[in-house]
Amino acid sequence: LTREFLVTGLRLLASSRGAILAADWLGKQKTVWQIVTASYLLVFHASSDPGMDWVSPIFTGRSVVVPVLLGITLFITVWSGAAYVWRNRSLVLSER
């Protein structure tokens, strides 16, 4: 959430100065990884429901998948946010 508020704030600041900050490749990768991770976790947790027991065999013995997905998603989210701020630091540092 912090990254999203930061990026949105930078975009609003840029907009108020007549500039447009387009999405970049890292931001798109962040979105893909967030969707993959959230989807996996939703199906993973739903598999414990009796009506979804047919999905349970997919998740047996895969205890390492959740931490790996969360780690990748966290890393790319922080990286893309930091890169976005760094690339647009002139907006924050300018007087106007």
PDB file of N, CA and C in Angstrom:
ATOM      1  N   LEU A   1       0.816  -1.191   0.000  1.00  0.00           N
ATOM      2  CA  LEU A   1       0.000   0.000   0.000  1.00  0.00           C
ATOM      3  C   LEU A   1       0.861   1.256   0.000  1.00  0.00           C
ATOM      4  N   THR A   2       1.949   1.221   0.744  1.00  0.00           N
ATOM      5  CA  THR A   2       2.834   2.380   0.803  1.00  0.00           C
ATOM      6  C   THR A   2       3.361   2.729  -0.578  1.00  0.00           C
ATOM      7  N   ARG A   3       3.767   1.722  -1.326  1.00  0.00           N
ATOM      8  CA  ARG A   3       4.289   1.948  -2.671  1.00  0.00           C
ATOM      9  C   ARG A   3       3.218   2.559  -3.559  1.00  0.00           C
ATOM     10  N   GLU A   4       2.009   2.052  -3.472  1.00  0.00           N
ATOM     11  CA  GLU A   4       0.929   2.557  -4.323  1.00  0.00           C
ATOM     12  C   GLU A   4       0.601   4.011  -3.997  1.00  0.00           C
ATOM     13  N   PHE A   5       0.548   4.354  -2.706  1.00  0.00           N
ATOM     14  CA  PHE A   5       0.294   5.740  -2.326  1.00  0.00           C
ATOM     15  C   PHE A   5       1.441   6.654  -2.782  1.00  0.00           C
ATOM     16  N   LEU A   6       2.663   6.170  -2.669  1.00  0.00           N
ATOM     17  CA  LEU A   6       3.823   6.945  -3.084  1.00  0.00           C
ATOM     18  C   LEU A   6       3.784   7.224  -4.586  1.00  0.00           C
ATOM     19  N   VAL A   7       3.542   6.196  -5.367  1.00  0.00           N
ATOM     20  CA  VAL A   7       3.492   6.349  -6.826  1.00  0.00           C
ATOM     21  C   VAL A   7       2.322   7.245  -7.229  1.00  0.00           C
ATOM     22  N   THR A   8       1.173   7.054  -6.604  1.00  0.00           N
ATOM     23  CA  THR A   8       0.016   7.897  -6.912  1.00  0.00           C
ATOM     24  C   THR A   8       0.299   9.351  -6.552  1.00  0.00           C
ATOM     25  N   GLY A   9       0.944   9.578  -5.424  1.00  0.00           N
ATOM     26  CA  GLY A   9       1.311  10.934  -5.030  1.00  0.00           C
ATOM     27  C   GLY A   9       2.260  11.584  -6.023  1.00  0.00           C
ATOM     28  N   LEU A  10       3.249  10.814  -6.485  1.00  0.00           N
ATOM     29  CA  LEU A  10       4.172  11.340  -7.486  1.00  0.00           C
ATOM     30  C   LEU A  10       3.446  11.663  -8.791  1.00  0.00           C
ATOM     31  N   ARG A  11       2.530  10.803  -9.181  1.00  0.00           N
ATOM     32  CA  ARG A  11       1.764  11.052 -10.409  1.00  0.00           C
ATOM     33  C   ARG A  11       0.898  12.304 -10.274  1.00  0.00           C
ATOM     34  N   LEU A  12       0.285  12.493  -9.114  1.00  0.00           N
ATOM     35  CA  LEU A  12      -0.524  13.695  -8.895  1.00  0.00           C
ATOM     36  C   LEU A  12       0.347  14.953  -8.904  1.00  0.00           C
ATOM     37  N   LEU A  13       1.518  14.870  -8.293  1.00  0.00           N
ATOM     38  CA  LEU A  13       2.454  15.985  -8.289  1.00  0.00           C
ATOM     39  C   LEU A  13       2.889  16.316  -9.715  1.00  0.00           C
ATOM     40  N   ALA A  14       3.219  15.293 -10.476  1.00  0.00           N
ATOM     41  CA  ALA A  14       3.619  15.493 -11.870  1.00  0.00           C
ATOM     42  C   ALA A  14       2.473  16.093 -12.675  1.00  0.00           C
ATOM     43  N   SER A  15       1.273  15.604 -12.459  1.00  0.00           N
ATOM     44  CA  SER A  15       0.103  16.113 -13.172  1.00  0.00           C
ATOM     45  C   SER A  15      -0.134  17.587 -12.873  1.00  0.00           C
ATOM     46  N   SER A  16       0.061  17.980 -11.632  1.00  0.00           N
ATOM     47  CA  SER A  16      -0.128  19.382 -11.268  1.00  0.00           C
ATOM     48  C   SER A  16       0.905  20.288 -11.931  1.00  0.00           C
ATOM     49  N   ARG A  17       1.996  19.696 -12.382  1.00  0.00           N
ATOM     50  CA  ARG A  17       3.048  20.458 -13.066  1.00  0.00           C
ATOM     51  C   ARG A  17       3.018  20.238 -14.582  1.00  0.00           C
ATOM     52  N   GLY A  18       1.987  19.573 -15.055  1.00  0.00           N
ATOM     53  CA  GLY A  18       1.825  19.378 -16.490  1.00  0.00           C
ATOM     54  C   GLY A  18       2.602  18.211 -17.078  1.00  0.00           C
ATOM     55  N   ALA A  19       3.123  17.336 -16.245  1.00  0.00           N
ATOM     56  CA  ALA A  19       3.888  16.184 -16.725  1.00  0.00           C
ATOM     57  C   ALA A  19       3.059  14.909 -16.564  1.00  0.00           C
ATOM     58  N   ILE A  20       3.391  13.923 -17.350  1.00  0.00           N
ATOM     59  CA  ILE A  20       2.732  12.613 -17.260  1.00  0.00           C
ATOM     60  C   ILE A  20       3.790  11.566 -16.958  1.00  0.00           C
ATOM     61  N   LEU A  21       3.556  10.789 -15.929  1.00  0.00           N
ATOM     62  CA  LEU A  21       4.476   9.707 -15.575  1.00  0.00           C
ATOM     63  C   LEU A  21       3.850   8.384 -16.007  1.00  0.00           C
ATOM     64  N   ALA A  22       4.405   7.809 -17.035  1.00  0.00           N
ATOM     65  CA  ALA A  22       3.864   6.565 -17.568  1.00  0.00           C
ATOM     66  C   ALA A  22       4.329   5.368 -16.741  1.00  0.00           C
ATOM     67  N   ALA A  23       3.548   4.314 -16.813  1.00  0.00           N
ATOM     68  CA  ALA A  23       3.940   3.061 -16.152  1.00  0.00           C
ATOM     69  C   ALA A  23       5.141   2.474 -16.894  1.00  0.00           C
ATOM     70  N   ASP A  24       5.997   1.794 -16.154  1.00  0.00           N
ATOM     71  CA  ASP A  24       7.162   1.184 -16.782  1.00  0.00           C
ATOM     72  C   ASP A  24       7.111  -0.332 -16.636  1.00  0.00           C
ATOM     73  N   TRP A  25       8.126  -0.988 -17.179  1.00  0.00           N
ATOM     74  CA  TRP A  25       8.185  -2.443 -17.204  1.00  0.00           C
ATOM     75  C   TRP A  25       8.173  -3.038 -15.796  1.00  0.00           C
ATOM     76  N   LEU A  26       8.911  -2.442 -14.868  1.00  0.00           N
ATOM     77  CA  LEU A  26       8.963  -2.971 -13.499  1.00  0.00           C
ATOM     78  C   LEU A  26       7.599  -2.893 -12.823  1.00  0.00           C
ATOM     79  N   GLY A  27       6.884  -1.812 -13.050  1.00  0.00           N
ATOM     80  CA  GLY A  27       5.545  -1.679 -12.479  1.00  0.00           C
ATOM     81  C   GLY A  27       4.596  -2.742 -13.021  1.00  0.00           C
ATOM     82  N   LYS A  28       4.753  -3.063 -14.283  1.00  0.00           N
ATOM     83  CA  LYS A  28       3.912  -4.108 -14.879  1.00  0.00           C
ATOM     84  C   LYS A  28       4.279  -5.488 -14.325  1.00  0.00           C
ATOM     85  N   GLN A  29       5.575  -5.722 -14.112  1.00  0.00           N
ATOM     86  CA  GLN A  29       6.008  -6.975 -13.500  1.00  0.00           C
ATOM     87  C   GLN A  29       5.476  -7.101 -12.074  1.00  0.00           C
ATOM     88  N   LYS A  30       5.499  -5.986 -11.354  1.00  0.00           N
ATOM     89  CA  LYS A  30       4.961  -5.974  -9.987  1.00  0.00           C
ATOM     90  C   LYS A  30       3.505  -6.391  -9.989  1.00  0.00           C
ATOM     91  N   THR A  31       2.742  -5.843 -10.916  1.00  0.00           N
ATOM     92  CA  THR A  31       1.318  -6.177 -11.004  1.00  0.00           C
ATOM     93  C   THR A  31       1.116  -7.649 -11.330  1.00  0.00           C
ATOM     94  N   VAL A  32       1.888  -8.178 -12.266  1.00  0.00           N
ATOM     95  CA  VAL A  32       1.772  -9.599 -12.627  1.00  0.00           C
ATOM     96  C   VAL A  32       2.061 -10.484 -11.423  1.00  0.00           C
ATOM     97  N   TRP A  33       3.150 -10.199 -10.715  1.00  0.00           N
ATOM     98  CA  TRP A  33       3.505 -11.022  -9.553  1.00  0.00           C
ATOM     99  C   TRP A  33       2.483 -10.910  -8.435  1.00  0.00           C
ATOM    100  N   GLN A  34       1.912  -9.724  -8.243  1.00  0.00           N
ATOM    101  CA  GLN A  34       0.874  -9.580  -7.224  1.00  0.00           C
ATOM    102  C   GLN A  34      -0.362 -10.398  -7.593  1.00  0.00           C
ATOM    103  N   ILE A  35      -0.736 -10.398  -8.855  1.00  0.00           N
ATOM    104  CA  ILE A  35      -1.903 -11.170  -9.296  1.00  0.00           C
ATOM    105  C   ILE A  35      -1.633 -12.667  -9.158  1.00  0.00           C
ATOM    106  N   VAL A  36      -0.454 -13.113  -9.574  1.00  0.00           N
ATOM    107  CA  VAL A  36      -0.103 -14.543  -9.461  1.00  0.00           C
ATOM    108  C   VAL A  36      -0.111 -14.979  -7.998  1.00  0.00           C
ATOM    109  N   THR A  37       0.514 -14.188  -7.132  1.00  0.00           N
ATOM    110  CA  THR A  37       0.590 -14.534  -5.713  1.00  0.00           C
ATOM    111  C   THR A  37      -0.784 -14.542  -5.064  1.00  0.00           C
ATOM    112  N   ALA A  38      -1.577 -13.518  -5.324  1.00  0.00           N
ATOM    113  CA  ALA A  38      -2.923 -13.442  -4.729  1.00  0.00           C
ATOM    114  C   ALA A  38      -3.796 -14.594  -5.226  1.00  0.00           C
ATOM    115  N   SER A  39      -3.710 -14.905  -6.507  1.00  0.00           N
ATOM    116  CA  SER A  39      -4.507 -16.010  -7.060  1.00  0.00           C
ATOM    117  C   SER A  39      -4.106 -17.342  -6.432  1.00  0.00           C
ATOM    118  N   TYR A  40      -2.798 -17.572  -6.336  1.00  0.00           N
ATOM    119  CA  TYR A  40      -2.316 -18.806  -5.721  1.00  0.00           C
ATOM    120  C   TYR A  40      -2.812 -18.924  -4.283  1.00  0.00           C
ATOM    121  N   LEU A  41      -2.692 -17.841  -3.522  1.00  0.00           N
ATOM    122  CA  LEU A  41      -3.111 -17.874  -2.117  1.00  0.00           C
ATOM    123  C   LEU A  41      -4.617 -18.083  -1.983  1.00  0.00           C
ATOM    124  N   LEU A  42      -5.400 -17.474  -2.851  1.00  0.00           N
ATOM    125  CA  LEU A  42      -6.851 -17.669  -2.799  1.00  0.00           C
ATOM    126  C   LEU A  42      -7.221 -19.128  -3.063  1.00  0.00           C
ATOM    127  N   VAL A  43      -6.631 -19.712  -4.078  1.00  0.00           N
ATOM    128  CA  VAL A  43      -6.931 -21.120  -4.390  1.00  0.00           C
ATOM    129  C   VAL A  43      -6.378 -22.030  -3.299  1.00  0.00           C
ATOM    130  N   PHE A  44      -5.187 -21.707  -2.793  1.00  0.00           N
ATOM    131  CA  PHE A  44      -4.577 -22.482  -1.719  1.00  0.00           C
ATOM    132  C   PHE A  44      -5.486 -22.533  -0.490  1.00  0.00           C
ATOM    133  N   HIS A  45      -5.987 -21.377  -0.075  1.00  0.00           N
ATOM    134  CA  HIS A  45      -6.858 -21.339   1.101  1.00  0.00           C
ATOM    135  C   HIS A  45      -8.235 -21.938   0.805  1.00  0.00           C
ATOM    136  N   ALA A  46      -8.717 -21.782  -0.396  1.00  0.00           N
ATOM    137  CA  ALA A  46     -10.011 -22.367  -0.761  1.00  0.00           C
ATOM    138  C   ALA A  46      -9.930 -23.891  -0.816  1.00  0.00           C
ATOM    139  N   SER A  47      -8.740 -24.428  -1.044  1.00  0.00           N
ATOM    140  CA  SER A  47      -8.606 -25.885  -1.158  1.00  0.00           C
ATOM    141  C   SER A  47      -8.891 -26.607   0.150  1.00  0.00           C
ATOM    142  N   SER A  48      -8.904 -25.889   1.271  1.00  0.00           N
ATOM    143  CA  SER A  48      -9.218 -26.532   2.551  1.00  0.00           C
ATOM    144  C   SER A  48     -10.725 -26.646   2.763  1.00  0.00           C
ATOM    145  N   ASP A  49     -11.502 -25.998   1.926  1.00  0.00           N
ATOM    146  CA  ASP A  49     -12.958 -26.080   2.004  1.00  0.00           C
ATOM    147  C   ASP A  49     -13.416 -27.441   1.461  1.00  0.00           C
ATOM    148  N   PRO A  50     -14.400 -28.074   2.102  1.00  0.00           N
ATOM    149  CA  PRO A  50     -14.840 -29.395   1.637  1.00  0.00           C
ATOM    150  C   PRO A  50     -15.288 -29.423   0.173  1.00  0.00           C
ATOM    151  N   GLY A  51     -15.862 -28.363  -0.326  1.00  0.00           N
ATOM    152  CA  GLY A  51     -16.301 -28.333  -1.712  1.00  0.00           C
ATOM    153  C   GLY A  51     -15.165 -28.200  -2.709  1.00  0.00           C
ATOM    154  N   MET A  52     -14.003 -27.842  -2.204  1.00  0.00           N
ATOM    155  CA  MET A  52     -12.839 -27.644  -3.074  1.00  0.00           C
ATOM    156  C   MET A  52     -11.769 -28.710  -2.838  1.00  0.00           C
ATOM    157  N   ASP A  53     -12.139 -29.822  -2.250  1.00  0.00           N
ATOM    158  CA  ASP A  53     -11.159 -30.859  -1.932  1.00  0.00           C
ATOM    159  C   ASP A  53     -10.496 -31.457  -3.171  1.00  0.00           C
ATOM    160  N   TRP A  54     -11.095 -31.287  -4.334  1.00  0.00           N
ATOM    161  CA  TRP A  54     -10.495 -31.792  -5.567  1.00  0.00           C
ATOM    162  C   TRP A  54      -9.234 -30.999  -5.944  1.00  0.00           C
ATOM    163  N   VAL A  55      -9.050 -29.816  -5.364  1.00  0.00           N
ATOM    164  CA  VAL A  55      -7.870 -28.993  -5.640  1.00  0.00           C
ATOM    165  C   VAL A  55      -6.736 -29.323  -4.673  1.00  0.00           C
ATOM    166  N   SER A  56      -7.043 -29.903  -3.541  1.00  0.00           N
ATOM    167  CA  SER A  56      -6.051 -30.162  -2.492  1.00  0.00           C
ATOM    168  C   SER A  56      -4.807 -30.904  -2.957  1.00  0.00           C
ATOM    169  N   PRO A  57      -4.913 -31.925  -3.824  1.00  0.00           N
ATOM    170  CA  PRO A  57      -3.679 -32.627  -4.232  1.00  0.00           C
ATOM    171  C   PRO A  57      -2.643 -31.740  -4.912  1.00  0.00           C
ATOM    172  N   ILE A  58      -3.070 -30.648  -5.489  1.00  0.00           N
ATOM    173  CA  ILE A  58      -2.126 -29.736  -6.143  1.00  0.00           C
ATOM    174  C   ILE A  58      -1.166 -29.126  -5.123  1.00  0.00           C
ATOM    175  N   PHE A  59      -1.631 -28.934  -3.897  1.00  0.00           N
ATOM    176  CA  PHE A  59      -0.853 -28.209  -2.896  1.00  0.00           C
ATOM    177  C   PHE A  59      -0.100 -29.101  -1.919  1.00  0.00           C
ATOM    178  N   THR A  60      -0.206 -30.410  -2.017  1.00  0.00           N
ATOM    179  CA  THR A  60       0.521 -31.277  -1.091  1.00  0.00           C
ATOM    180  C   THR A  60       2.020 -31.218  -1.375  1.00  0.00           C
ATOM    181  N   GLY A  61       2.783 -31.022  -0.321  1.00  0.00           N
ATOM    182  CA  GLY A  61       4.237 -30.997  -0.434  1.00  0.00           C
ATOM    183  C   GLY A  61       4.787 -29.722  -1.049  1.00  0.00           C
ATOM    184  N   ARG A  62       4.019 -28.663  -1.076  1.00  0.00           N
ATOM    185  CA  ARG A  62       4.476 -27.414  -1.696  1.00  0.00           C
ATOM    186  C   ARG A  62       4.573 -26.281  -0.670  1.00  0.00           C
ATOM    187  N   SER A  63       5.091 -26.584   0.484  1.00  0.00           N
ATOM    188  CA  SER A  63       5.149 -25.581   1.550  1.00  0.00           C
ATOM    189  C   SER A  63       6.119 -24.450   1.237  1.00  0.00           C
ATOM    190  N   VAL A  64       6.992 -24.624   0.275  1.00  0.00           N
ATOM    191  CA  VAL A  64       7.978 -23.594  -0.049  1.00  0.00           C
ATOM    192  C   VAL A  64       7.430 -22.577  -1.058  1.00  0.00           C
ATOM    193  N   VAL A  65       6.351 -22.900  -1.737  1.00  0.00           N
ATOM    194  CA  VAL A  65       5.833 -22.030  -2.797  1.00  0.00           C
ATOM    195  C   VAL A  65       5.344 -20.690  -2.245  1.00  0.00           C
ATOM    196  N   VAL A  66       4.605 -20.711  -1.152  1.00  0.00           N
ATOM    197  CA  VAL A  66       4.047 -19.470  -0.599  1.00  0.00           C
ATOM    198  C   VAL A  66       5.154 -18.489  -0.194  1.00  0.00           C
ATOM    199  N   PRO A  67       6.149 -18.895   0.588  1.00  0.00           N
ATOM    200  CA  PRO A  67       7.208 -17.940   0.934  1.00  0.00           C
ATOM    201  C   PRO A  67       7.980 -17.432  -0.288  1.00  0.00           C
ATOM    202  N   VAL A  68       8.185 -18.290  -1.276  1.00  0.00           N
ATOM    203  CA  VAL A  68       8.904 -17.861  -2.480  1.00  0.00           C
ATOM    204  C   VAL A  68       8.085 -16.830  -3.249  1.00  0.00           C
ATOM    205  N   LEU A  69       6.810 -17.110  -3.452  1.00  0.00           N
ATOM    206  CA  LEU A  69       5.945 -16.152  -4.155  1.00  0.00           C
ATOM    207  C   LEU A  69       5.873 -14.818  -3.404  1.00  0.00           C
ATOM    208  N   LEU A  70       5.689 -14.890  -2.091  1.00  0.00           N
ATOM    209  CA  LEU A  70       5.636 -13.660  -1.298  1.00  0.00           C
ATOM    210  C   LEU A  70       6.960 -12.897  -1.349  1.00  0.00           C
ATOM    211  N   GLY A  71       8.065 -13.619  -1.317  1.00  0.00           N
ATOM    212  CA  GLY A  71       9.381 -12.985  -1.385  1.00  0.00           C
ATOM    213  C   GLY A  71       9.620 -12.289  -2.714  1.00  0.00           C
ATOM    214  N   ILE A  72       9.306 -12.977  -3.800  1.00  0.00           N
ATOM    215  CA  ILE A  72       9.469 -12.378  -5.130  1.00  0.00           C
ATOM    216  C   ILE A  72       8.585 -11.145  -5.262  1.00  0.00           C
ATOM    217  N   THR A  73       7.337 -11.263  -4.843  1.00  0.00           N
ATOM    218  CA  THR A  73       6.395 -10.146  -4.948  1.00  0.00           C
ATOM    219  C   THR A  73       6.856  -8.961  -4.110  1.00  0.00           C
ATOM    220  N   LEU A  74       7.297  -9.217  -2.900  1.00  0.00           N
ATOM    221  CA  LEU A  74       7.786  -8.139  -2.034  1.00  0.00           C
ATOM    222  C   LEU A  74       9.003  -7.456  -2.636  1.00  0.00           C
ATOM    223  N   PHE A  75       9.942  -8.243  -3.112  1.00  0.00           N
ATOM    224  CA  PHE A  75      11.171  -7.696  -3.695  1.00  0.00           C
ATOM    225  C   PHE A  75      10.859  -6.812  -4.902  1.00  0.00           C
ATOM    226  N   ILE A  76      10.046  -7.304  -5.823  1.00  0.00           N
ATOM    227  CA  ILE A  76       9.733  -6.530  -7.026  1.00  0.00           C
ATOM    228  C   ILE A  76       8.909  -5.287  -6.677  1.00  0.00           C
ATOM    229  N   THR A  77       8.022  -5.404  -5.696  1.00  0.00           N
ATOM    230  CA  THR A  77       7.225  -4.246  -5.285  1.00  0.00           C
ATOM    231  C   THR A  77       8.115  -3.142  -4.725  1.00  0.00           C
ATOM    232  N   VAL A  78       9.027  -3.490  -3.828  1.00  0.00           N
ATOM    233  CA  VAL A  78       9.935  -2.500  -3.242  1.00  0.00           C
ATOM    234  C   VAL A  78      10.875  -1.945  -4.309  1.00  0.00           C
ATOM    235  N   TRP A  79      11.414  -2.818  -5.154  1.00  0.00           N
ATOM    236  CA  TRP A  79      12.339  -2.404  -6.211  1.00  0.00           C
ATOM    237  C   TRP A  79      11.661  -1.434  -7.180  1.00  0.00           C
ATOM    238  N   SER A  80      10.470  -1.777  -7.618  1.00  0.00           N
ATOM    239  CA  SER A  80       9.788  -0.918  -8.591  1.00  0.00           C
ATOM    240  C   SER A  80       9.415   0.428  -7.967  1.00  0.00           C
ATOM    241  N   GLY A  81       9.023   0.429  -6.702  1.00  0.00           N
ATOM    242  CA  GLY A  81       8.712   1.685  -6.020  1.00  0.00           C
ATOM    243  C   GLY A  81       9.938   2.562  -5.872  1.00  0.00           C
ATOM    244  N   ALA A  82      11.045   1.967  -5.459  1.00  0.00           N
ATOM    245  CA  ALA A  82      12.288   2.722  -5.302  1.00  0.00           C
ATOM    246  C   ALA A  82      12.778   3.249  -6.653  1.00  0.00           C
ATOM    247  N   ALA A  83      12.685   2.438  -7.683  1.00  0.00           N
ATOM    248  CA  ALA A  83      13.107   2.867  -9.017  1.00  0.00           C
ATOM    249  C   ALA A  83      12.240   4.017  -9.517  1.00  0.00           C
ATOM    250  N   TYR A  84      10.960   3.951  -9.246  1.00  0.00           N
ATOM    251  CA  TYR A  84      10.030   4.987  -9.669  1.00  0.00           C
ATOM    252  C   TYR A  84      10.351   6.310  -8.975  1.00  0.00           C
ATOM    253  N   VAL A  85      10.596   6.253  -7.680  1.00  0.00           N
ATOM    254  CA  VAL A  85      10.946   7.461  -6.925  1.00  0.00           C
ATOM    255  C   VAL A  85      12.287   8.010  -7.414  1.00  0.00           C
ATOM    256  N   TRP A  86      13.257   7.147  -7.608  1.00  0.00           N
ATOM    257  CA  TRP A  86      14.580   7.586  -8.045  1.00  0.00           C
ATOM    258  C   TRP A  86      14.509   8.243  -9.424  1.00  0.00           C
ATOM    259  N   ARG A  87      13.781   7.633 -10.325  1.00  0.00           N
ATOM    260  CA  ARG A  87      13.664   8.156 -11.676  1.00  0.00           C
ATOM    261  C   ARG A  87      12.958   9.519 -11.711  1.00  0.00           C
ATOM    262  N   ASN A  88      12.083   9.751 -10.754  1.00  0.00           N
ATOM    263  CA  ASN A  88      11.300  10.984 -10.725  1.00  0.00           C
ATOM    264  C   ASN A  88      11.649  11.880  -9.538  1.00  0.00           C
ATOM    265  N   ARG A  89      12.838  11.729  -9.009  1.00  0.00           N
ATOM    266  CA  ARG A  89      13.260  12.491  -7.836  1.00  0.00           C
ATOM    267  C   ARG A  89      13.271  13.991  -8.098  1.00  0.00           C
ATOM    268  N   SER A  90      13.445  14.393  -9.346  1.00  0.00           N
ATOM    269  CA  SER A  90      13.466  15.825  -9.661  1.00  0.00           C
ATOM    270  C   SER A  90      12.130  16.494  -9.330  1.00  0.00           C
ATOM    271  N   LEU A  91      11.038  15.746  -9.406  1.00  0.00           N
ATOM    272  CA  LEU A  91       9.727  16.293  -9.043  1.00  0.00           C
ATOM    273  C   LEU A  91       9.672  16.647  -7.566  1.00  0.00           C
ATOM    274  N   VAL A  92      10.220  15.801  -6.756  1.00  0.00           N
ATOM    275  CA  VAL A  92      10.178  16.003  -5.304  1.00  0.00           C
ATOM    276  C   VAL A  92      11.175  17.080  -4.876  1.00  0.00           C
ATOM    277  N   LEU A  93      12.324  17.111  -5.536  1.00  0.00           N
ATOM    278  CA  LEU A  93      13.393  18.029  -5.130  1.00  0.00           C
ATOM    279  C   LEU A  93      13.232  19.438  -5.682  1.00  0.00           C
ATOM    280  N   SER A  94      12.409  19.608  -6.709  1.00  0.00           N
ATOM    281  CA  SER A  94      12.250  20.945  -7.305  1.00  0.00           C
ATOM    282  C   SER A  94      11.423  21.834  -6.390  1.00  0.00           C
ATOM    283  N   GLU A  95      11.679  23.101  -6.466  1.00  0.00           N
ATOM    284  CA  GLU A  95      11.003  24.091  -5.614  1.00  0.00           C
ATOM    285  C   GLU A  95       9.561  24.323  -6.009  1.00  0.00           C
ATOM    286  N   ARG A  96       9.274  24.233  -7.247  1.00  0.00           N
ATOM    287  CA  ARG A  96       7.963  24.539  -7.766  1.00  0.00           C
ATOM    288  C   ARG A  96       6.949  23.490  -7.508  1.00  0.00           C
TER     289      ARG A  96
END
